[in-house]
Amino acid sequence: MVNKIESVEQFEQILKEQKSFYILKHSLTCPISQAAYEEFESYDQENPNFPQYFLAVQDSRPLSNHIAEKFHIKHESPQAILFNNHDVAWHASHWKITFDSLTKAREENPAQ
């Protein structure tokens, strides 16, 4: 199950504790974002031991902004981000968020 996070504090704790994880910036009102969320969920179901989180941009704008500013990646929604070793290893947005792209990103960016 993909876990929802809502605060900068939650994110910073995950960043400190997890060697590698995905986060999805998800818009609750966008059909493209819904499609990306479904791909994200499918990936999660096939990879239950890999940590995955999402934030709803409408509910968690400060967190979304924090991630964009801290890691110097332009905010987009939807946006999938792979974190490895406390940094961004890969990110994609909109229709580029697919089961295959999530799989390939992890293969090409293994956590060290």
PDB file of N, CA and C in Angstrom:
ATOM      1  N   MET A   1       0.828  -1.188   0.000  1.00  0.00           N
ATOM      2  CA  MET A   1       0.000   0.000   0.000  1.00  0.00           C
ATOM      3  C   MET A   1       0.874   1.254   0.000  1.00  0.00           C
ATOM      4  N   VAL A   2       0.530   2.180  -0.839  1.00  0.00           N
ATOM      5  CA  VAL A   2       1.247   3.447  -0.915  1.00  0.00           C
ATOM      6  C   VAL A   2       0.799   4.300   0.271  1.00  0.00           C
ATOM      7  N   ASN A   3       1.760   4.798   1.017  1.00  0.00           N
ATOM      8  CA  ASN A   3       1.460   5.583   2.209  1.00  0.00           C
ATOM      9  C   ASN A   3       1.426   7.073   1.897  1.00  0.00           C
ATOM     10  N   LYS A   4       0.438   7.753   2.443  1.00  0.00           N
ATOM     11  CA  LYS A   4       0.320   9.194   2.262  1.00  0.00           C
ATOM     12  C   LYS A   4       1.159   9.907   3.313  1.00  0.00           C
ATOM     13  N   ILE A   5       1.891  10.925   2.866  1.00  0.00           N
ATOM     14  CA  ILE A   5       2.597  11.791   3.807  1.00  0.00           C
ATOM     15  C   ILE A   5       2.098  13.213   3.587  1.00  0.00           C
ATOM     16  N   GLU A   6       2.147  13.994   4.655  1.00  0.00           N
ATOM     17  CA  GLU A   6       1.548  15.321   4.582  1.00  0.00           C
ATOM     18  C   GLU A   6       2.433  16.444   5.086  1.00  0.00           C
ATOM     19  N   SER A   7       3.515  16.118   5.768  1.00  0.00           N
ATOM     20  CA  SER A   7       4.310  17.190   6.382  1.00  0.00           C
ATOM     21  C   SER A   7       5.788  17.077   6.027  1.00  0.00           C
ATOM     22  N   VAL A   8       6.448  18.219   6.116  1.00  0.00           N
ATOM     23  CA  VAL A   8       7.894  18.266   5.911  1.00  0.00           C
ATOM     24  C   VAL A   8       8.578  17.363   6.931  1.00  0.00           C
ATOM     25  N   GLU A   9       8.081  17.342   8.144  1.00  0.00           N
ATOM     26  CA  GLU A   9       8.680  16.515   9.199  1.00  0.00           C
ATOM     27  C   GLU A   9       8.599  15.032   8.853  1.00  0.00           C
ATOM     28  N   GLN A  10       7.454  14.593   8.360  1.00  0.00           N
ATOM     29  CA  GLN A  10       7.316  13.188   7.944  1.00  0.00           C
ATOM     30  C   GLN A  10       8.323  12.863   6.840  1.00  0.00           C
ATOM     31  N   PHE A  11       8.394  13.737   5.845  1.00  0.00           N
ATOM     32  CA  PHE A  11       9.307  13.519   4.725  1.00  0.00           C
ATOM     33  C   PHE A  11      10.759  13.444   5.208  1.00  0.00           C
ATOM     34  N   GLU A  12      11.159  14.367   6.049  1.00  0.00           N
ATOM     35  CA  GLU A  12      12.546  14.393   6.530  1.00  0.00           C
ATOM     36  C   GLU A  12      12.871  13.135   7.334  1.00  0.00           C
ATOM     37  N   GLN A  13      11.921  12.623   8.074  1.00  0.00           N
ATOM     38  CA  GLN A  13      12.126  11.383   8.822  1.00  0.00           C
ATOM     39  C   GLN A  13      12.324  10.206   7.862  1.00  0.00           C
ATOM     40  N   ILE A  14      11.495  10.135   6.827  1.00  0.00           N
ATOM     41  CA  ILE A  14      11.624   9.071   5.824  1.00  0.00           C
ATOM     42  C   ILE A  14      12.975   9.191   5.122  1.00  0.00           C
ATOM     43  N   LEU A  15      13.338  10.399   4.748  1.00  0.00           N
ATOM     44  CA  LEU A  15      14.610  10.634   4.069  1.00  0.00           C
ATOM     45  C   LEU A  15      15.784  10.165   4.923  1.00  0.00           C
ATOM     46  N   LYS A  16      15.686  10.369   6.217  1.00  0.00           N
ATOM     47  CA  LYS A  16      16.747   9.968   7.144  1.00  0.00           C
ATOM     48  C   LYS A  16      16.786   8.438   7.320  1.00  0.00           C
ATOM     49  N   GLU A  17      15.617   7.804   7.346  1.00  0.00           N
ATOM     50  CA  GLU A  17      15.530   6.380   7.677  1.00  0.00           C
ATOM     51  C   GLU A  17      15.623   5.432   6.483  1.00  0.00           C
ATOM     52  N   GLN A  18      15.171   5.867   5.318  1.00  0.00           N
ATOM     53  CA  GLN A  18      15.116   4.973   4.161  1.00  0.00           C
ATOM     54  C   GLN A  18      16.309   5.211   3.243  1.00  0.00           C
ATOM     55  N   LYS A  19      16.933   4.133   2.832  1.00  0.00           N
ATOM     56  CA  LYS A  19      18.048   4.238   1.894  1.00  0.00           C
ATOM     57  C   LYS A  19      17.544   4.610   0.498  1.00  0.00           C
ATOM     58  N   SER A  20      16.384   4.063   0.134  1.00  0.00           N
ATOM     59  CA  SER A  20      15.820   4.308  -1.187  1.00  0.00           C
ATOM     60  C   SER A  20      14.301   4.237  -1.102  1.00  0.00           C
ATOM     61  N   PHE A  21      13.608   5.152  -1.799  1.00  0.00           N
ATOM     62  CA  PHE A  21      12.150   5.154  -1.806  1.00  0.00           C
ATOM     63  C   PHE A  21      11.638   6.024  -2.941  1.00  0.00           C
ATOM     64  N   TYR A  22      10.371   5.818  -3.269  1.00  0.00           N
ATOM     65  CA  TYR A  22       9.676   6.659  -4.236  1.00  0.00           C
ATOM     66  C   TYR A  22       8.692   7.565  -3.518  1.00  0.00           C
ATOM     67  N   ILE A  23       8.493   8.747  -4.105  1.00  0.00           N
ATOM     68  CA  ILE A  23       7.405   9.617  -3.678  1.00  0.00           C
ATOM     69  C   ILE A  23       6.709  10.117  -4.942  1.00  0.00           C
ATOM     70  N   LEU A  24       5.401  10.221  -4.859  1.00  0.00           N
ATOM     71  CA  LEU A  24       4.603  10.735  -5.963  1.00  0.00           C
ATOM     72  C   LEU A  24       3.895  12.000  -5.514  1.00  0.00           C
ATOM     73  N   LYS A  25       4.110  13.074  -6.261  1.00  0.00           N
ATOM     74  CA  LYS A  25       3.314  14.285  -6.053  1.00  0.00           C
ATOM     75  C   LYS A  25       2.056  14.105  -6.891  1.00  0.00           C
ATOM     76  N   HIS A  26       0.922  14.064  -6.228  1.00  0.00           N
ATOM     77  CA  HIS A  26      -0.335  13.686  -6.860  1.00  0.00           C
ATOM     78  C   HIS A  26      -1.375  14.789  -6.717  1.00  0.00           C
ATOM     79  N   SER A  27      -2.006  15.149  -7.831  1.00  0.00           N
ATOM     80  CA  SER A  27      -3.116  16.098  -7.803  1.00  0.00           C
ATOM     81  C   SER A  27      -4.419  15.322  -7.708  1.00  0.00           C
ATOM     82  N   LEU A  28      -5.245  15.699  -6.761  1.00  0.00           N
ATOM     83  CA  LEU A  28      -6.510  14.997  -6.546  1.00  0.00           C
ATOM     84  C   LEU A  28      -7.553  15.310  -7.613  1.00  0.00           C
ATOM     85  N   THR A  29      -7.299  16.305  -8.449  1.00  0.00           N
ATOM     86  CA  THR A  29      -8.302  16.745  -9.424  1.00  0.00           C
ATOM     87  C   THR A  29      -7.893  16.537 -10.878  1.00  0.00           C
ATOM     88  N   CYS A  30      -6.721  16.017 -11.130  1.00  0.00           N
ATOM     89  CA  CYS A  30      -6.196  15.904 -12.492  1.00  0.00           C
ATOM     90  C   CYS A  30      -6.288  14.472 -13.009  1.00  0.00           C
ATOM     91  N   PRO A  31      -6.910  14.258 -14.163  1.00  0.00           N
ATOM     92  CA  PRO A  31      -7.009  12.899 -14.702  1.00  0.00           C
ATOM     93  C   PRO A  31      -5.651  12.303 -15.076  1.00  0.00           C
ATOM     94  N   ILE A  32      -4.703  13.124 -15.509  1.00  0.00           N
ATOM     95  CA  ILE A  32      -3.361  12.615 -15.817  1.00  0.00           C
ATOM     96  C   ILE A  32      -2.701  12.123 -14.531  1.00  0.00           C
ATOM     97  N   SER A  33      -2.892  12.872 -13.457  1.00  0.00           N
ATOM     98  CA  SER A  33      -2.338  12.477 -12.172  1.00  0.00           C
ATOM     99  C   SER A  33      -2.979  11.182 -11.675  1.00  0.00           C
ATOM    100  N   GLN A  34      -4.261  11.019 -11.913  1.00  0.00           N
ATOM    101  CA  GLN A  34      -4.935   9.780 -11.509  1.00  0.00           C
ATOM    102  C   GLN A  34      -4.343   8.587 -12.250  1.00  0.00           C
ATOM    103  N   ALA A  35      -4.063   8.756 -13.535  1.00  0.00           N
ATOM    104  CA  ALA A  35      -3.447   7.681 -14.318  1.00  0.00           C
ATOM    105  C   ALA A  35      -2.055   7.356 -13.765  1.00  0.00           C
ATOM    106  N   ALA A  36      -1.278   8.388 -13.425  1.00  0.00           N
ATOM    107  CA  ALA A  36       0.050   8.173 -12.847  1.00  0.00           C
ATOM    108  C   ALA A  36      -0.054   7.462 -11.501  1.00  0.00           C
ATOM    109  N   TYR A  37      -1.044   7.850 -10.704  1.00  0.00           N
ATOM    110  CA  TYR A  37      -1.237   7.212  -9.395  1.00  0.00           C
ATOM    111  C   TYR A  37      -1.546   5.721  -9.575  1.00  0.00           C
ATOM    112  N   GLU A  38      -2.343   5.389 -10.567  1.00  0.00           N
ATOM    113  CA  GLU A  38      -2.666   3.981 -10.829  1.00  0.00           C
ATOM    114  C   GLU A  38      -1.421   3.194 -11.240  1.00  0.00           C
ATOM    115  N   GLU A  39      -0.560   3.800 -12.047  1.00  0.00           N
ATOM    116  CA  GLU A  39       0.711   3.153 -12.408  1.00  0.00           C
ATOM    117  C   GLU A  39       1.579   2.969 -11.157  1.00  0.00           C
ATOM    118  N   PHE A  40       1.612   3.983 -10.324  1.00  0.00           N
ATOM    119  CA  PHE A  40       2.376   3.960  -9.074  1.00  0.00           C
ATOM    120  C   PHE A  40       1.866   2.842  -8.161  1.00  0.00           C
ATOM    121  N   GLU A  41       0.549   2.731  -8.058  1.00  0.00           N
ATOM    122  CA  GLU A  41      -0.057   1.663  -7.255  1.00  0.00           C
ATOM    123  C   GLU A  41       0.279   0.281  -7.810  1.00  0.00           C
ATOM    124  N   SER A  42       0.226   0.137  -9.122  1.00  0.00           N
ATOM    125  CA  SER A  42       0.567  -1.151  -9.742  1.00  0.00           C
ATOM    126  C   SER A  42       2.005  -1.523  -9.423  1.00  0.00           C
ATOM    127  N   TYR A  43       2.891  -0.539  -9.509  1.00  0.00           N
ATOM    128  CA  TYR A  43       4.292  -0.791  -9.189  1.00  0.00           C
ATOM    129  C   TYR A  43       4.425  -1.218  -7.728  1.00  0.00           C
ATOM    130  N   ASP A  44       3.702  -0.547  -6.860  1.00  0.00           N
ATOM    131  CA  ASP A  44       3.737  -0.867  -5.438  1.00  0.00           C
ATOM    132  C   ASP A  44       3.255  -2.296  -5.183  1.00  0.00           C
ATOM    133  N   GLN A  45       2.216  -2.711  -5.860  1.00  0.00           N
ATOM    134  CA  GLN A  45       1.681  -4.067  -5.671  1.00  0.00           C
ATOM    135  C   GLN A  45       2.685  -5.132  -6.092  1.00  0.00           C
ATOM    136  N   GLU A  46       3.473  -4.836  -7.118  1.00  0.00           N
ATOM    137  CA  GLU A  46       4.483  -5.783  -7.595  1.00  0.00           C
ATOM    138  C   GLU A  46       5.791  -5.703  -6.806  1.00  0.00           C
ATOM    139  N   ASN A  47       5.958  -4.642  -6.048  1.00  0.00           N
ATOM    140  CA  ASN A  47       7.189  -4.411  -5.281  1.00  0.00           C
ATOM    141  C   ASN A  47       6.833  -4.024  -3.844  1.00  0.00           C
ATOM    142  N   PRO A  48       6.166  -4.909  -3.120  1.00  0.00           N
ATOM    143  CA  PRO A  48       5.644  -4.546  -1.793  1.00  0.00           C
ATOM    144  C   PRO A  48       6.709  -4.237  -0.747  1.00  0.00           C
ATOM    145  N   ASN A  49       7.939  -4.642  -0.980  1.00  0.00           N
ATOM    146  CA  ASN A  49       8.992  -4.383   0.001  1.00  0.00           C
ATOM    147  C   ASN A  49       9.763  -3.098  -0.273  1.00  0.00           C
ATOM    148  N   PHE A  50       9.394  -2.397  -1.349  1.00  0.00           N
ATOM    149  CA  PHE A  50      10.061  -1.135  -1.656  1.00  0.00           C
ATOM    150  C   PHE A  50       9.180   0.009  -1.177  1.00  0.00           C
ATOM    151  N   PRO A  51       9.705   0.903  -0.348  1.00  0.00           N
ATOM    152  CA  PRO A  51       8.885   1.979   0.215  1.00  0.00           C
ATOM    153  C   PRO A  51       8.412   2.979  -0.844  1.00  0.00           C
ATOM    154  N   GLN A  52       7.117   3.257  -0.803  1.00  0.00           N
ATOM    155  CA  GLN A  52       6.511   4.230  -1.712  1.00  0.00           C
ATOM    156  C   GLN A  52       5.544   5.108  -0.940  1.00  0.00           C
ATOM    157  N   TYR A  53       5.596   6.389  -1.250  1.00  0.00           N
ATOM    158  CA  TYR A  53       4.764   7.372  -0.570  1.00  0.00           C
ATOM    159  C   TYR A  53       4.162   8.310  -1.608  1.00  0.00           C
ATOM    160  N   PHE A  54       3.088   8.978  -1.214  1.00  0.00           N
ATOM    161  CA  PHE A  54       2.547  10.023  -2.068  1.00  0.00           C
ATOM    162  C   PHE A  54       2.110  11.189  -1.210  1.00  0.00           C
ATOM    163  N   LEU A  55       2.070  12.350  -1.854  1.00  0.00           N
ATOM    164  CA  LEU A  55       1.503  13.524  -1.208  1.00  0.00           C
ATOM    165  C   LEU A  55       0.472  14.103  -2.165  1.00  0.00           C
ATOM    166  N   ALA A  56      -0.611  14.568  -1.606  1.00  0.00           N
ATOM    167  CA  ALA A  56      -1.636  15.255  -2.384  1.00  0.00           C
ATOM    168  C   ALA A  56      -1.258  16.731  -2.414  1.00  0.00           C
ATOM    169  N   VAL A  57      -0.975  17.258  -3.600  1.00  0.00           N
ATOM    170  CA  VAL A  57      -0.475  18.630  -3.675  1.00  0.00           C
ATOM    171  C   VAL A  57      -1.466  19.646  -3.115  1.00  0.00           C
ATOM    172  N   GLN A  58      -2.757  19.376  -3.238  1.00  0.00           N
ATOM    173  CA  GLN A  58      -3.757  20.308  -2.699  1.00  0.00           C
ATOM    174  C   GLN A  58      -3.711  20.361  -1.171  1.00  0.00           C
ATOM    175  N   ASP A  59      -3.354  19.250  -0.544  1.00  0.00           N
ATOM    176  CA  ASP A  59      -3.333  19.160   0.921  1.00  0.00           C
ATOM    177  C   ASP A  59      -1.963  19.458   1.521  1.00  0.00           C
ATOM    178  N   SER A  60      -0.931  19.342   0.729  1.00  0.00           N
ATOM    179  CA  SER A  60       0.432  19.400   1.273  1.00  0.00           C
ATOM    180  C   SER A  60       1.345  20.304   0.456  1.00  0.00           C
ATOM    181  N   ARG A  61       0.877  21.477   0.124  1.00  0.00           N
ATOM    182  CA  ARG A  61       1.671  22.412  -0.675  1.00  0.00           C
ATOM    183  C   ARG A  61       3.010  22.746  -0.021  1.00  0.00           C
ATOM    184  N   PRO A  62       3.083  22.988   1.296  1.00  0.00           N
ATOM    185  CA  PRO A  62       4.399  23.268   1.900  1.00  0.00           C
ATOM    186  C   PRO A  62       5.389  22.110   1.706  1.00  0.00           C
ATOM    187  N   LEU A  63       4.918  20.887   1.822  1.00  0.00           N
ATOM    188  CA  LEU A  63       5.798  19.736   1.616  1.00  0.00           C
ATOM    189  C   LEU A  63       6.247  19.666   0.158  1.00  0.00           C
ATOM    190  N   SER A  64       5.319  19.841  -0.762  1.00  0.00           N
ATOM    191  CA  SER A  64       5.656  19.817  -2.181  1.00  0.00           C
ATOM    192  C   SER A  64       6.697  20.877  -2.510  1.00  0.00           C
ATOM    193  N   ASN A  65       6.504  22.074  -2.009  1.00  0.00           N
ATOM    194  CA  ASN A  65       7.462  23.163  -2.227  1.00  0.00           C
ATOM    195  C   ASN A  65       8.818  22.857  -1.592  1.00  0.00           C
ATOM    196  N   HIS A  66       8.796  22.275  -0.401  1.00  0.00           N
ATOM    197  CA  HIS A  66      10.031  21.915   0.304  1.00  0.00           C
ATOM    198  C   HIS A  66      10.878  20.967  -0.539  1.00  0.00           C
ATOM    199  N   ILE A  67      10.247  19.945  -1.095  1.00  0.00           N
ATOM    200  CA  ILE A  67      10.979  18.971  -1.916  1.00  0.00           C
ATOM    201  C   ILE A  67      11.559  19.656  -3.154  1.00  0.00           C
ATOM    202  N   ALA A  68      10.762  20.476  -3.808  1.00  0.00           N
ATOM    203  CA  ALA A  68      11.233  21.172  -5.013  1.00  0.00           C
ATOM    204  C   ALA A  68      12.424  22.075  -4.699  1.00  0.00           C
ATOM    205  N   GLU A  69      12.330  22.825  -3.611  1.00  0.00           N
ATOM    206  CA  GLU A  69      13.390  23.763  -3.253  1.00  0.00           C
ATOM    207  C   GLU A  69      14.639  23.064  -2.737  1.00  0.00           C
ATOM    208  N   LYS A  70      14.471  22.089  -1.877  1.00  0.00           N
ATOM    209  CA  LYS A  70      15.623  21.402  -1.281  1.00  0.00           C
ATOM    210  C   LYS A  70      16.440  20.646  -2.317  1.00  0.00           C
ATOM    211  N   PHE A  71      15.750  20.041  -3.303  1.00  0.00           N
ATOM    212  CA  PHE A  71      16.447  19.198  -4.271  1.00  0.00           C
ATOM    213  C   PHE A  71      16.564  19.835  -5.657  1.00  0.00           C
ATOM    214  N   HIS A  72      16.155  21.098  -5.774  1.00  0.00           N
ATOM    215  CA  HIS A  72      16.301  21.871  -7.009  1.00  0.00           C
ATOM    216  C   HIS A  72      15.666  21.176  -8.213  1.00  0.00           C
ATOM    217  N   ILE A  73      14.455  20.657  -8.007  1.00  0.00           N
ATOM    218  CA  ILE A  73      13.704  20.088  -9.120  1.00  0.00           C
ATOM    219  C   ILE A  73      12.382  20.836  -9.238  1.00  0.00           C
ATOM    220  N   LYS A  74      12.117  21.301 -10.431  1.00  0.00           N
ATOM    221  CA  LYS A  74      10.904  22.055 -10.695  1.00  0.00           C
ATOM    222  C   LYS A  74       9.683  21.236 -10.292  1.00  0.00           C
ATOM    223  N   HIS A  75       8.763  21.868  -9.579  1.00  0.00           N
ATOM    224  CA  HIS A  75       7.531  21.187  -9.177  1.00  0.00           C
ATOM    225  C   HIS A  75       6.684  20.881 -10.398  1.00  0.00           C
ATOM    226  N   GLU A  76       6.229  19.643 -10.466  1.00  0.00           N
ATOM    227  CA  GLU A  76       5.244  19.245 -11.460  1.00  0.00           C
ATOM    228  C   GLU A  76       4.255  18.324 -10.768  1.00  0.00           C
ATOM    229  N   SER A  77       3.111  18.182 -11.377  1.00  0.00           N
ATOM    230  CA  SER A  77       2.099  17.300 -10.813  1.00  0.00           C
ATOM    231  C   SER A  77       1.303  16.694 -11.959  1.00  0.00           C
ATOM    232  N   PRO A  78       1.340  15.378 -12.049  1.00  0.00           N
ATOM    233  CA  PRO A  78       2.006  14.427 -11.165  1.00  0.00           C
ATOM    234  C   PRO A  78       3.521  14.405 -11.400  1.00  0.00           C
ATOM    235  N   GLN A  79       4.215  13.954 -10.382  1.00  0.00           N
ATOM    236  CA  GLN A  79       5.666  13.841 -10.456  1.00  0.00           C
ATOM    237  C   GLN A  79       6.113  12.698  -9.560  1.00  0.00           C
ATOM    238  N   ALA A  80       6.829  11.750 -10.147  1.00  0.00           N
ATOM    239  CA  ALA A  80       7.408  10.645  -9.385  1.00  0.00           C
ATOM    240  C   ALA A  80       8.888  10.932  -9.177  1.00  0.00           C
ATOM    241  N   ILE A  81       9.343  10.693  -7.956  1.00  0.00           N
ATOM    242  CA  ILE A  81      10.737  10.968  -7.609  1.00  0.00           C
ATOM    243  C   ILE A  81      11.313   9.752  -6.892  1.00  0.00           C
ATOM    244  N   LEU A  82      12.463   9.297  -7.381  1.00  0.00           N
ATOM    245  CA  LEU A  82      13.203   8.224  -6.730  1.00  0.00           C
ATOM    246  C   LEU A  82      14.321   8.845  -5.913  1.00  0.00           C
ATOM    247  N   PHE A  83      14.318   8.555  -4.620  1.00  0.00           N
ATOM    248  CA  PHE A  83      15.379   9.015  -3.738  1.00  0.00           C
ATOM    249  C   PHE A  83      16.300   7.849  -3.418  1.00  0.00           C
ATOM    250  N   ASN A  84      17.602   8.095  -3.540  1.00  0.00           N
ATOM    251  CA  ASN A  84      18.631   7.132  -3.141  1.00  0.00           C
ATOM    252  C   ASN A  84      19.652   7.876  -2.294  1.00  0.00           C
ATOM    253  N   ASN A  85      19.986   7.301  -1.166  1.00  0.00           N
ATOM    254  CA  ASN A  85      21.047   7.857  -0.327  1.00  0.00           C
ATOM    255  C   ASN A  85      20.848   9.350  -0.059  1.00  0.00           C
ATOM    256  N   HIS A  86      19.626   9.726   0.321  1.00  0.00           N
ATOM    257  CA  HIS A  86      19.280  11.087   0.737  1.00  0.00           C
ATOM    258  C   HIS A  86      19.288  12.122  -0.386  1.00  0.00           C
ATOM    259  N   ASP A  87      19.209  11.665  -1.635  1.00  0.00           N
ATOM    260  CA  ASP A  87      19.217  12.600  -2.755  1.00  0.00           C
ATOM    261  C   ASP A  87      18.310  12.072  -3.876  1.00  0.00           C
ATOM    262  N   VAL A  88      17.967  12.936  -4.803  1.00  0.00           N
ATOM    263  CA  VAL A  88      17.145  12.546  -5.945  1.00  0.00           C
ATOM    264  C   VAL A  88      18.014  11.798  -6.949  1.00  0.00           C
ATOM    265  N   ALA A  89      17.591  10.595  -7.291  1.00  0.00           N
ATOM    266  CA  ALA A  89      18.302   9.794  -8.286  1.00  0.00           C
ATOM    267  C   ALA A  89      17.622   9.871  -9.653  1.00  0.00           C
ATOM    268  N   TRP A  90      16.304  10.144  -9.645  1.00  0.00           N
ATOM    269  CA  TRP A  90      15.525  10.150 -10.890  1.00  0.00           C
ATOM    270  C   TRP A  90      14.195  10.820 -10.611  1.00  0.00           C
ATOM    271  N   HIS A  91      13.636  11.463 -11.626  1.00  0.00           N
ATOM    272  CA  HIS A  91      12.271  11.962 -11.510  1.00  0.00           C
ATOM    273  C   HIS A  91      11.639  12.053 -12.891  1.00  0.00           C
ATOM    274  N   ALA A  92      10.325  11.946 -12.918  1.00  0.00           N
ATOM    275  CA  ALA A  92       9.563  12.020 -14.168  1.00  0.00           C
ATOM    276  C   ALA A  92       8.203  12.621 -13.853  1.00  0.00           C
ATOM    277  N   SER A  93       7.548  13.109 -14.893  1.00  0.00           N
ATOM    278  CA  SER A  93       6.236  13.696 -14.672  1.00  0.00           C
ATOM    279  C   SER A  93       5.249  13.264 -15.752  1.00  0.00           C
ATOM    280  N   HIS A  94       4.009  13.531 -15.460  1.00  0.00           N
ATOM    281  CA  HIS A  94       2.882  13.315 -16.355  1.00  0.00           C
ATOM    282  C   HIS A  94       2.870  11.901 -16.937  1.00  0.00           C
ATOM    283  N   TRP A  95       2.763  11.788 -18.254  1.00  0.00           N
ATOM    284  CA  TRP A  95       2.606  10.475 -18.899  1.00  0.00           C
ATOM    285  C   TRP A  95       3.868   9.638 -18.849  1.00  0.00           C
ATOM    286  N   LYS A  96       4.974  10.216 -18.386  1.00  0.00           N
ATOM    287  CA  LYS A  96       6.221   9.443 -18.276  1.00  0.00           C
ATOM    288  C   LYS A  96       6.250   8.579 -17.016  1.00  0.00           C
ATOM    289  N   ILE A  97       5.237   8.716 -16.181  1.00  0.00           N
ATOM    290  CA  ILE A  97       5.148   7.902 -14.964  1.00  0.00           C
ATOM    291  C   ILE A  97       4.368   6.632 -15.305  1.00  0.00           C
ATOM    292  N   THR A  98       5.122   5.561 -15.524  1.00  0.00           N
ATOM    293  CA  THR A  98       4.513   4.269 -15.861  1.00  0.00           C
ATOM    294  C   THR A  98       5.166   3.178 -15.025  1.00  0.00           C
ATOM    295  N   PHE A  99       4.521   2.050 -14.981  1.00  0.00           N
ATOM    296  CA  PHE A  99       5.091   0.890 -14.295  1.00  0.00           C
ATOM    297  C   PHE A  99       6.497   0.624 -14.837  1.00  0.00           C
ATOM    298  N   ASP A 100       6.628   0.627 -16.161  1.00  0.00           N
ATOM    299  CA  ASP A 100       7.924   0.344 -16.785  1.00  0.00           C
ATOM    300  C   ASP A 100       8.972   1.405 -16.459  1.00  0.00           C
ATOM    301  N   SER A 101       8.586   2.674 -16.468  1.00  0.00           N
ATOM    302  CA  SER A 101       9.573   3.719 -16.175  1.00  0.00           C
ATOM    303  C   SER A 101      10.025   3.661 -14.717  1.00  0.00           C
ATOM    304  N   LEU A 102       9.110   3.323 -13.817  1.00  0.00           N
ATOM    305  CA  LEU A 102       9.474   3.176 -12.399  1.00  0.00           C
ATOM    306  C   LEU A 102      10.428   1.996 -12.209  1.00  0.00           C
ATOM    307  N   THR A 103      10.143   0.899 -12.914  1.00  0.00           N
ATOM    308  CA  THR A 103      11.011  -0.284 -12.845  1.00  0.00           C
ATOM    309  C   THR A 103      12.399   0.039 -13.391  1.00  0.00           C
ATOM    310  N   LYS A 104      12.434   0.660 -14.559  1.00  0.00           N
ATOM    311  CA  LYS A 104      13.708   0.983 -15.209  1.00  0.00           C
ATOM    312  C   LYS A 104      14.526   1.959 -14.364  1.00  0.00           C
ATOM    313  N   ALA A 105      13.882   2.935 -13.762  1.00  0.00           N
ATOM    314  CA  ALA A 105      14.589   3.914 -12.927  1.00  0.00           C
ATOM    315  C   ALA A 105      15.307   3.233 -11.777  1.00  0.00           C
ATOM    316  N   ARG A 106      14.633   2.286 -11.149  1.00  0.00           N
ATOM    317  CA  ARG A 106      15.303   1.576 -10.034  1.00  0.00           C
ATOM    318  C   ARG A 106      16.428   0.710 -10.514  1.00  0.00           C
ATOM    319  N   GLU A 107      16.267   0.078 -11.674  1.00  0.00           N
ATOM    320  CA  GLU A 107      17.342  -0.757 -12.224  1.00  0.00           C
ATOM    321  C   GLU A 107      18.565   0.085 -12.556  1.00  0.00           C
ATOM    322  N   GLU A 108      18.332   1.279 -13.104  1.00  0.00           N
ATOM    323  CA  GLU A 108      19.439   2.149 -13.517  1.00  0.00           C
ATOM    324  C   GLU A 108      20.035   2.972 -12.382  1.00  0.00           C
ATOM    325  N   ASN A 109      19.325   3.036 -11.253  1.00  0.00           N
ATOM    326  CA  ASN A 109      19.769   3.852 -10.122  1.00  0.00           C
ATOM    327  C   ASN A 109      19.695   3.063  -8.814  1.00  0.00           C
ATOM    328  N   PRO A 110      20.471   1.992  -8.708  1.00  0.00           N
ATOM    329  CA  PRO A 110      20.419   1.217  -7.463  1.00  0.00           C
ATOM    330  C   PRO A 110      21.010   2.009  -6.299  1.00  0.00           C
ATOM    331  N   ALA A 111      20.417   1.847  -5.147  1.00  0.00           N
ATOM    332  CA  ALA A 111      20.955   2.512  -3.942  1.00  0.00           C
ATOM    333  C   ALA A 111      22.274   1.854  -3.574  1.00  0.00           C
ATOM    334  N   GLN A 112      23.249   2.671  -3.240  1.00  0.00           N
ATOM    335  CA  GLN A 112      24.569   2.154  -2.890  1.00  0.00           C
ATOM    336  C   GLN A 112      24.702   1.981  -1.399  1.00  0.00           C
TER     337      GLN A 112
END
